[in-house]
Amino acid sequence: MSPREFADYLAPTAIEAVQAALDNGLYISYPQVSNLPGFFIHEYKDGKKELIEIDIFTGKELFISSL
């Protein structure tokens, strides 16, 4: 199975998992596209987005701003 075929195979399961997380009040998180490591976007079901910084030493999240 090629990498693309594997991604296509997993896509429905990943979509279900994300939707279940959002339905339970959680968020999805992805890296902010920039040259700043440790910055992530948290996106909620209602469309709200937050910029978060992860402290690389403690793993704690620091809220930076709403987007």
N, C-alpha and C. Protein backbone atom coordinates (compact mmCIF):
# COMPACT_ATOMS: atom_id res chain seq x y z
N MET A 1 0.86 -1.17 0.00
CA MET A 1 0.00 0.00 0.00
C MET A 1 0.91 1.24 0.00
N SER A 2 0.62 2.15 -0.89
CA SER A 2 1.42 3.38 -0.97
C SER A 2 1.04 4.33 0.17
N PRO A 3 1.88 5.31 0.46
CA PRO A 3 1.53 6.29 1.50
C PRO A 3 0.19 6.98 1.21
N ARG A 4 -0.07 7.30 -0.04
CA ARG A 4 -1.32 7.97 -0.40
C ARG A 4 -2.52 7.04 -0.17
N GLU A 5 -2.38 5.78 -0.55
CA GLU A 5 -3.46 4.80 -0.34
C GLU A 5 -3.71 4.62 1.16
N PHE A 6 -2.64 4.59 1.94
CA PHE A 6 -2.78 4.44 3.39
C PHE A 6 -3.50 5.64 3.99
N ALA A 7 -3.14 6.83 3.55
CA ALA A 7 -3.81 8.05 4.03
C ALA A 7 -5.29 8.03 3.66
N ASP A 8 -5.59 7.63 2.45
CA ASP A 8 -6.99 7.53 2.02
C ASP A 8 -7.75 6.49 2.83
N TYR A 9 -7.09 5.39 3.17
CA TYR A 9 -7.69 4.33 3.97
C TYR A 9 -8.03 4.83 5.39
N LEU A 10 -7.13 5.62 5.96
CA LEU A 10 -7.31 6.12 7.33
C LEU A 10 -8.23 7.34 7.43
N ALA A 11 -8.44 8.04 6.33
CA ALA A 11 -9.18 9.30 6.37
C ALA A 11 -10.55 9.19 7.03
N PRO A 12 -11.40 8.23 6.69
CA PRO A 12 -12.72 8.17 7.34
C PRO A 12 -12.63 7.99 8.86
N THR A 13 -11.70 7.18 9.32
CA THR A 13 -11.53 6.97 10.76
C THR A 13 -11.04 8.24 11.44
N ALA A 14 -10.11 8.94 10.80
CA ALA A 14 -9.60 10.19 11.36
C ALA A 14 -10.70 11.24 11.43
N ILE A 15 -11.52 11.33 10.41
CA ILE A 15 -12.63 12.29 10.41
C ILE A 15 -13.60 11.99 11.53
N GLU A 16 -13.92 10.72 11.73
CA GLU A 16 -14.82 10.33 12.82
C GLU A 16 -14.23 10.69 14.18
N ALA A 17 -12.94 10.45 14.36
CA ALA A 17 -12.29 10.74 15.65
C ALA A 17 -12.29 12.24 15.93
N VAL A 18 -12.01 13.04 14.92
CA VAL A 18 -12.02 14.50 15.10
C VAL A 18 -13.42 14.97 15.44
N GLN A 19 -14.42 14.47 14.73
CA GLN A 19 -15.80 14.90 14.99
C GLN A 19 -16.24 14.50 16.39
N ALA A 20 -15.86 13.30 16.83
CA ALA A 20 -16.21 12.86 18.19
C ALA A 20 -15.55 13.77 19.22
N ALA A 21 -14.31 14.14 19.00
CA ALA A 21 -13.62 15.04 19.94
C ALA A 21 -14.33 16.38 19.99
N LEU A 22 -14.65 16.94 18.83
CA LEU A 22 -15.34 18.24 18.80
C LEU A 22 -16.70 18.14 19.47
N ASP A 23 -17.43 17.06 19.22
CA ASP A 23 -18.75 16.88 19.83
C ASP A 23 -18.68 16.78 21.35
N ASN A 24 -17.53 16.37 21.87
CA ASN A 24 -17.34 16.25 23.32
C ASN A 24 -16.67 17.47 23.93
N GLY A 25 -16.66 18.58 23.19
CA GLY A 25 -16.15 19.83 23.74
C GLY A 25 -14.65 20.00 23.65
N LEU A 26 -13.98 19.10 22.98
CA LEU A 26 -12.53 19.22 22.82
C LEU A 26 -12.22 20.07 21.60
N TYR A 27 -10.98 20.20 21.27
CA TYR A 27 -10.55 21.01 20.14
C TYR A 27 -9.60 20.19 19.28
N ILE A 28 -9.38 20.67 18.07
CA ILE A 28 -8.31 20.11 17.26
C ILE A 28 -7.14 21.08 17.34
N SER A 29 -5.96 20.56 17.24
CA SER A 29 -4.76 21.37 17.39
C SER A 29 -3.83 21.08 16.24
N TYR A 30 -3.24 22.13 15.71
CA TYR A 30 -2.28 21.97 14.62
C TYR A 30 -1.25 23.07 14.71
N PRO A 31 -0.06 22.82 14.17
CA PRO A 31 1.01 23.82 14.25
C PRO A 31 0.65 25.09 13.49
N GLN A 32 1.05 26.21 14.04
CA GLN A 32 0.90 27.46 13.33
C GLN A 32 1.92 27.46 12.21
N VAL A 33 1.52 27.91 11.04
CA VAL A 33 2.45 27.93 9.91
C VAL A 33 3.33 29.17 10.03
N SER A 34 4.51 28.95 10.54
CA SER A 34 5.49 30.04 10.69
C SER A 34 6.83 29.43 11.03
N ASN A 35 7.77 30.27 11.27
CA ASN A 35 9.09 29.80 11.69
C ASN A 35 9.22 29.77 13.21
N LEU A 36 8.09 29.80 13.90
CA LEU A 36 8.11 29.82 15.36
C LEU A 36 7.71 28.46 15.91
N PRO A 37 8.68 27.62 16.27
CA PRO A 37 8.32 26.32 16.83
C PRO A 37 7.64 26.49 18.18
N GLY A 38 6.73 25.58 18.49
CA GLY A 38 6.05 25.62 19.77
C GLY A 38 4.76 26.39 19.77
N PHE A 39 4.36 26.96 18.63
CA PHE A 39 3.10 27.70 18.54
C PHE A 39 2.08 26.86 17.79
N PHE A 40 0.88 26.77 18.35
CA PHE A 40 -0.18 25.94 17.79
C PHE A 40 -1.48 26.71 17.74
N ILE A 41 -2.37 26.26 16.87
CA ILE A 41 -3.73 26.77 16.81
C ILE A 41 -4.64 25.72 17.43
N HIS A 42 -5.48 26.13 18.34
CA HIS A 42 -6.55 25.28 18.86
C HIS A 42 -7.84 25.77 18.19
N GLU A 43 -8.56 24.85 17.55
CA GLU A 43 -9.79 25.20 16.86
C GLU A 43 -10.95 24.40 17.46
N TYR A 44 -12.02 25.11 17.82
CA TYR A 44 -13.17 24.51 18.48
C TYR A 44 -14.32 24.32 17.49
N LYS A 45 -15.31 23.52 17.90
CA LYS A 45 -16.45 23.20 17.04
C LYS A 45 -17.18 24.45 16.55
N ASP A 46 -17.26 25.47 17.39
CA ASP A 46 -17.99 26.69 17.01
C ASP A 46 -17.16 27.60 16.10
N GLY A 47 -15.96 27.15 15.71
CA GLY A 47 -15.12 27.93 14.82
C GLY A 47 -14.12 28.83 15.52
N LYS A 48 -14.23 28.92 16.84
CA LYS A 48 -13.30 29.75 17.61
C LYS A 48 -11.89 29.18 17.48
N LYS A 49 -10.91 30.06 17.30
CA LYS A 49 -9.51 29.65 17.19
C LYS A 49 -8.68 30.45 18.19
N GLU A 50 -7.69 29.77 18.76
CA GLU A 50 -6.79 30.40 19.71
C GLU A 50 -5.35 30.06 19.35
N LEU A 51 -4.48 31.05 19.50
CA LEU A 51 -3.05 30.82 19.32
C LEU A 51 -2.48 30.46 20.69
N ILE A 52 -1.78 29.34 20.73
CA ILE A 52 -1.25 28.79 21.97
C ILE A 52 0.25 28.57 21.81
N GLU A 53 1.01 28.84 22.86
CA GLU A 53 2.43 28.50 22.86
C GLU A 53 2.64 27.37 23.86
N ILE A 54 3.41 26.38 23.46
CA ILE A 54 3.74 25.27 24.36
C ILE A 54 5.13 25.50 24.92
N ASP A 55 5.24 25.51 26.24
CA ASP A 55 6.54 25.65 26.90
C ASP A 55 7.30 24.34 26.70
N ILE A 56 8.43 24.39 26.02
CA ILE A 56 9.16 23.17 25.69
C ILE A 56 9.78 22.48 26.91
N PHE A 57 9.88 23.19 28.01
CA PHE A 57 10.48 22.60 29.21
C PHE A 57 9.44 21.97 30.13
N THR A 58 8.26 22.57 30.20
CA THR A 58 7.24 22.07 31.12
C THR A 58 6.06 21.40 30.41
N GLY A 59 5.87 21.69 29.10
CA GLY A 59 4.73 21.15 28.37
C GLY A 59 3.45 21.93 28.61
N LYS A 60 3.52 22.98 29.41
CA LYS A 60 2.33 23.77 29.71
C LYS A 60 1.97 24.65 28.52
N GLU A 61 0.65 24.86 28.38
CA GLU A 61 0.14 25.72 27.32
C GLU A 61 -0.01 27.14 27.83
N LEU A 62 0.35 28.10 26.99
CA LEU A 62 0.19 29.51 27.31
C LEU A 62 -0.69 30.13 26.24
N PHE A 63 -1.83 30.66 26.65
CA PHE A 63 -2.74 31.32 25.72
C PHE A 63 -2.07 32.61 25.23
N ILE A 64 -2.01 32.80 23.91
CA ILE A 64 -1.43 34.01 23.33
C ILE A 64 -2.52 34.96 22.88
N SER A 65 -3.46 34.49 22.05
CA SER A 65 -4.54 35.37 21.59
C SER A 65 -5.64 34.57 20.91
N SER A 66 -6.81 35.20 20.82
CA SER A 66 -7.90 34.67 20.02
C SER A 66 -7.65 35.08 18.57
N LEU A 67 -8.05 34.22 17.66
CA LEU A 67 -7.86 34.52 16.24
C LEU A 67 -9.20 34.72 15.55
